[in-house]
Amino acid sequence: MSNTTFSGPIRAGTIRDTTGTTVGTDVANVGQVVMAQSAAVTQASGATAIVIPANSQIVEINLYVTTAWDGVASTFGVGTTVLATKFTAAGAVDGAAVGVLSVTPGTDATRTGAFIDVGSTDVKIAVTSTNTGTGAGVITVRYLQAADLTA
């Protein structure tokens, strides 16, 4: 199977612009395609190869833990190479068991805002563990490319 690379954002739907009031005929129904990037991570690795385009909306971050985080603490946070706490608080996620972990911003307004719009520049995702250990897994970030939802 071959791969194709092209510029986005990718949009799908049959009616691009609203010109009337009849749903299915002349009311816009074009939406964005959800994109995803994944990277292998370890408890000691930090930065990933995942780069999210500027003004994208993160809709979901999952960590598929294949070897449990261990040591003094089994926690980690998800942020960027510029700001380790951009998407979660430090140590907000517990990787103590094998399985799929949902990474959320919690109830923090700034981090929730970063999920809604990553900002005006591309961001490189980083996983920052509380301590070094033998934990391993795969992180997947799902996002709407260049949604530009800043108010």
C-alpha atoms as a PDB file:
ATOM      1  CA  MET A   1       0.000   0.000   0.000  1.00  0.00           C
ATOM      2  CA  SER A   2       1.301   3.449  -0.806  1.00  0.00           C
ATOM      3  CA  ASN A   3       1.031   6.655   1.210  1.00  0.00           C
ATOM      4  CA  THR A   4      -0.115  10.081   0.086  1.00  0.00           C
ATOM      5  CA  THR A   5       0.832  13.368   1.681  1.00  0.00           C
ATOM      6  CA  PHE A   6      -0.987  16.607   0.989  1.00  0.00           C
ATOM      7  CA  SER A   7      -1.835  19.868   2.658  1.00  0.00           C
ATOM      8  CA  GLY A   8      -4.993  20.263   4.707  1.00  0.00           C
ATOM      9  CA  PRO A   9      -7.212  20.751   6.452  1.00  0.00           C
ATOM     10  CA  ILE A  10      -9.272  17.995   4.883  1.00  0.00           C
ATOM     11  CA  ARG A  11     -12.985  18.774   4.677  1.00  0.00           C
ATOM     12  CA  ALA A  12     -15.862  16.522   3.681  1.00  0.00           C
ATOM     13  CA  GLY A  13     -19.532  17.133   2.921  1.00  0.00           C
ATOM     14  CA  THR A  14     -21.777  17.996   0.012  1.00  0.00           C
ATOM     15  CA  ILE A  15     -22.773  21.617   0.780  1.00  0.00           C
ATOM     16  CA  ARG A  16     -19.916  24.018   1.506  1.00  0.00           C
ATOM     17  CA  ASP A  17     -21.838  27.277   2.084  1.00  0.00           C
ATOM     18  CA  THR A  18     -25.236  28.125   3.543  1.00  0.00           C
ATOM     19  CA  THR A  19     -27.357  29.954   0.979  1.00  0.00           C
ATOM     20  CA  GLY A  20     -30.806  29.258   2.446  1.00  0.00           C
ATOM     21  CA  THR A  21     -32.584  27.507   5.330  1.00  0.00           C
ATOM     22  CA  THR A  22     -33.387  24.007   4.072  1.00  0.00           C
ATOM     23  CA  VAL A  23     -31.226  21.314   5.698  1.00  0.00           C
ATOM     24  CA  GLY A  24     -29.959  18.855   3.088  1.00  0.00           C
ATOM     25  CA  THR A  25     -30.385  21.362   0.277  1.00  0.00           C
ATOM     26  CA  ASP A  26     -28.746  24.710   0.995  1.00  0.00           C
ATOM     27  CA  VAL A  27     -27.396  24.646   4.583  1.00  0.00           C
ATOM     28  CA  ALA A  28     -23.662  23.935   4.930  1.00  0.00           C
ATOM     29  CA  ASN A  29     -22.801  20.398   6.083  1.00  0.00           C
ATOM     30  CA  VAL A  30     -19.051  20.351   5.485  1.00  0.00           C
ATOM     31  CA  GLY A  31     -16.968  19.117   8.410  1.00  0.00           C
ATOM     32  CA  GLN A  32     -13.339  18.385   9.087  1.00  0.00           C
ATOM     33  CA  VAL A  33     -11.759  14.949   8.959  1.00  0.00           C
ATOM     34  CA  VAL A  34     -10.216  13.770  12.252  1.00  0.00           C
ATOM     35  CA  MET A  35      -6.476  13.260  11.871  1.00  0.00           C
ATOM     36  CA  ALA A  36      -4.269  11.129  14.140  1.00  0.00           C
ATOM     37  CA  GLN A  37      -0.601  10.677  14.864  1.00  0.00           C
ATOM     38  CA  SER A  38       0.964   7.957  17.018  1.00  0.00           C
ATOM     39  CA  ALA A  39       4.419   7.397  18.469  1.00  0.00           C
ATOM     40  CA  ALA A  40       6.104   4.830  20.686  1.00  0.00           C
ATOM     41  CA  VAL A  41       7.126   6.230  24.090  1.00  0.00           C
ATOM     42  CA  THR A  42       9.008   5.006  27.128  1.00  0.00           C
ATOM     43  CA  GLN A  43       8.973   6.199  30.701  1.00  0.00           C
ATOM     44  CA  ALA A  44      12.341   7.849  30.020  1.00  0.00           C
ATOM     45  CA  SER A  45      11.764   9.140  26.476  1.00  0.00           C
ATOM     46  CA  GLY A  46      10.149  12.597  26.742  1.00  0.00           C
ATOM     47  CA  ALA A  47       9.677  14.188  23.305  1.00  0.00           C
ATOM     48  CA  THR A  48       7.824  12.262  20.592  1.00  0.00           C
ATOM     49  CA  ALA A  49       7.836  12.558  16.801  1.00  0.00           C
ATOM     50  CA  ILE A  50       4.255  13.891  16.914  1.00  0.00           C
ATOM     51  CA  VAL A  51       3.870  17.472  15.683  1.00  0.00           C
ATOM     52  CA  ILE A  52       0.366  18.965  15.753  1.00  0.00           C
ATOM     53  CA  PRO A  53      -0.271  21.798  13.257  1.00  0.00           C
ATOM     54  CA  ALA A  54      -0.941  25.311  14.536  1.00  0.00           C
ATOM     55  CA  ASN A  55      -4.539  26.147  15.491  1.00  0.00           C
ATOM     56  CA  SER A  56      -5.588  22.484  15.609  1.00  0.00           C
ATOM     57  CA  GLN A  57      -8.170  21.180  18.065  1.00  0.00           C
ATOM     58  CA  ILE A  58      -7.183  18.083  20.020  1.00  0.00           C
ATOM     59  CA  VAL A  59     -10.206  15.799  20.333  1.00  0.00           C
ATOM     60  CA  GLU A  60      -8.536  12.891  22.115  1.00  0.00           C
ATOM     61  CA  ILE A  61      -5.218  11.727  23.541  1.00  0.00           C
ATOM     62  CA  ASN A  62      -4.746   8.069  24.496  1.00  0.00           C
ATOM     63  CA  LEU A  63      -1.725   6.243  25.858  1.00  0.00           C
ATOM     64  CA  TYR A  64      -1.696   2.519  25.189  1.00  0.00           C
ATOM     65  CA  VAL A  65       0.483   1.251  28.057  1.00  0.00           C
ATOM     66  CA  THR A  66       2.243  -1.984  27.068  1.00  0.00           C
ATOM     67  CA  THR A  67       4.664  -2.088  30.036  1.00  0.00           C
ATOM     68  CA  ALA A  68       3.499  -0.410  33.241  1.00  0.00           C
ATOM     69  CA  TRP A  69       5.288   2.705  34.477  1.00  0.00           C
ATOM     70  CA  ASP A  70       7.304   1.819  37.597  1.00  0.00           C
ATOM     71  CA  GLY A  71       9.726   3.192  40.147  1.00  0.00           C
ATOM     72  CA  VAL A  72       9.049   5.663  42.944  1.00  0.00           C
ATOM     73  CA  ALA A  73       6.101   7.097  40.953  1.00  0.00           C
ATOM     74  CA  SER A  74       4.154   5.702  37.996  1.00  0.00           C
ATOM     75  CA  THR A  75       2.739   9.012  36.827  1.00  0.00           C
ATOM     76  CA  PHE A  76       3.336  11.240  33.834  1.00  0.00           C
ATOM     77  CA  GLY A  77       1.952  14.312  32.109  1.00  0.00           C
ATOM     78  CA  VAL A  78       1.456  15.252  28.461  1.00  0.00           C
ATOM     79  CA  GLY A  79       2.568  18.583  27.074  1.00  0.00           C
ATOM     80  CA  THR A  80       4.939  19.933  24.482  1.00  0.00           C
ATOM     81  CA  THR A  81       8.688  20.293  24.164  1.00  0.00           C
ATOM     82  CA  VAL A  82       8.184  23.974  25.060  1.00  0.00           C
ATOM     83  CA  LEU A  83       5.677  23.564  27.933  1.00  0.00           C
ATOM     84  CA  ALA A  84       5.542  20.175  29.701  1.00  0.00           C
ATOM     85  CA  THR A  85       2.191  21.020  31.323  1.00  0.00           C
ATOM     86  CA  LYS A  86       0.359  22.331  28.237  1.00  0.00           C
ATOM     87  CA  PHE A  87      -2.253  19.526  28.102  1.00  0.00           C
ATOM     88  CA  THR A  88      -2.157  17.993  31.621  1.00  0.00           C
ATOM     89  CA  ALA A  89      -0.773  18.842  35.014  1.00  0.00           C
ATOM     90  CA  ALA A  90       2.585  17.265  35.865  1.00  0.00           C
ATOM     91  CA  GLY A  91       2.003  13.678  36.995  1.00  0.00           C
ATOM     92  CA  ALA A  92      -1.721  13.853  36.176  1.00  0.00           C
ATOM     93  CA  VAL A  93      -1.919  10.428  34.522  1.00  0.00           C
ATOM     94  CA  ASP A  94      -1.095   7.125  36.255  1.00  0.00           C
ATOM     95  CA  GLY A  95       0.550   4.532  34.027  1.00  0.00           C
ATOM     96  CA  ALA A  96       0.830   1.861  36.747  1.00  0.00           C
ATOM     97  CA  ALA A  97      -1.071  -0.785  34.763  1.00  0.00           C
ATOM     98  CA  VAL A  98      -1.150  -2.098  31.210  1.00  0.00           C
ATOM     99  CA  GLY A  99      -4.142  -0.796  29.258  1.00  0.00           C
ATOM    100  CA  VAL A 100      -5.551   2.212  27.437  1.00  0.00           C
ATOM    101  CA  LEU A 101      -5.404   5.523  29.293  1.00  0.00           C
ATOM    102  CA  SER A 102      -7.464   8.553  28.326  1.00  0.00           C
ATOM    103  CA  VAL A 103      -5.456  11.747  28.771  1.00  0.00           C
ATOM    104  CA  THR A 104      -7.597  14.798  29.573  1.00  0.00           C
ATOM    105  CA  PRO A 105      -6.930  18.375  30.648  1.00  0.00           C
ATOM    106  CA  GLY A 106      -9.006  17.918  33.803  1.00  0.00           C
ATOM    107  CA  THR A 107     -10.918  20.945  35.009  1.00  0.00           C
ATOM    108  CA  ASP A 108      -8.165  23.458  34.235  1.00  0.00           C
ATOM    109  CA  ALA A 109      -9.355  26.280  31.948  1.00  0.00           C
ATOM    110  CA  THR A 110      -5.929  26.952  30.392  1.00  0.00           C
ATOM    111  CA  ARG A 111      -5.313  23.296  29.527  1.00  0.00           C
ATOM    112  CA  THR A 112      -8.870  22.895  28.246  1.00  0.00           C
ATOM    113  CA  GLY A 113      -8.202  25.921  26.031  1.00  0.00           C
ATOM    114  CA  ALA A 114      -5.046  24.221  24.724  1.00  0.00           C
ATOM    115  CA  PHE A 115      -7.162  21.194  23.704  1.00  0.00           C
ATOM    116  CA  ILE A 116      -9.609  23.528  21.928  1.00  0.00           C
ATOM    117  CA  ASP A 117      -6.800  25.312  20.047  1.00  0.00           C
ATOM    118  CA  VAL A 118      -3.117  24.353  20.413  1.00  0.00           C
ATOM    119  CA  GLY A 119      -2.014  27.898  19.580  1.00  0.00           C
ATOM    120  CA  SER A 120      -0.593  29.878  16.692  1.00  0.00           C
ATOM    121  CA  THR A 121       2.465  27.660  16.118  1.00  0.00           C
ATOM    122  CA  ASP A 122       2.981  23.938  15.555  1.00  0.00           C
ATOM    123  CA  VAL A 123       3.527  21.966  18.786  1.00  0.00           C
ATOM    124  CA  LYS A 124       5.690  18.880  19.342  1.00  0.00           C
ATOM    125  CA  ILE A 125       4.110  16.470  21.847  1.00  0.00           C
ATOM    126  CA  ALA A 126       6.111  15.330  24.873  1.00  0.00           C
ATOM    127  CA  VAL A 127       5.383  12.787  27.612  1.00  0.00           C
ATOM    128  CA  THR A 128       7.084  13.767  30.863  1.00  0.00           C
ATOM    129  CA  SER A 129       7.301  11.040  33.495  1.00  0.00           C
ATOM    130  CA  THR A 130       7.674  11.803  37.186  1.00  0.00           C
ATOM    131  CA  ASN A 131      10.699   9.501  37.306  1.00  0.00           C
ATOM    132  CA  THR A 132      12.680   7.217  35.004  1.00  0.00           C
ATOM    133  CA  GLY A 133      11.578   3.585  34.846  1.00  0.00           C
ATOM    134  CA  THR A 134      10.870   0.769  32.411  1.00  0.00           C
ATOM    135  CA  GLY A 135       7.370   1.831  31.311  1.00  0.00           C
ATOM    136  CA  ALA A 136       6.518   1.769  27.603  1.00  0.00           C
ATOM    137  CA  GLY A 137       3.578   2.345  25.310  1.00  0.00           C
ATOM    138  CA  VAL A 138       2.152   4.144  22.300  1.00  0.00           C
ATOM    139  CA  ILE A 139       0.618   7.608  22.463  1.00  0.00           C
ATOM    140  CA  THR A 140      -2.034   8.610  19.918  1.00  0.00           C
ATOM    141  CA  VAL A 141      -3.235  12.189  19.456  1.00  0.00           C
ATOM    142  CA  ARG A 142      -6.432  12.729  17.445  1.00  0.00           C
ATOM    143  CA  TYR A 143      -7.101  16.252  16.207  1.00  0.00           C
ATOM    144  CA  LEU A 144      -8.933  18.495  13.766  1.00  0.00           C
ATOM    145  CA  GLN A 145      -6.251  20.119  11.639  1.00  0.00           C
ATOM    146  CA  ALA A 146      -6.131  23.911  11.690  1.00  0.00           C
ATOM    147  CA  ALA A 147      -9.630  24.273  13.144  1.00  0.00           C
ATOM    148  CA  ASP A 148      -8.637  27.775  14.385  1.00  0.00           C
ATOM    149  CA  LEU A 149     -11.192  28.019  17.189  1.00  0.00           C
ATOM    150  CA  THR A 150      -9.573  30.976  18.954  1.00  0.00           C
ATOM    151  CA  ALA A 151     -12.117  33.596  19.849  1.00  0.00           C
END
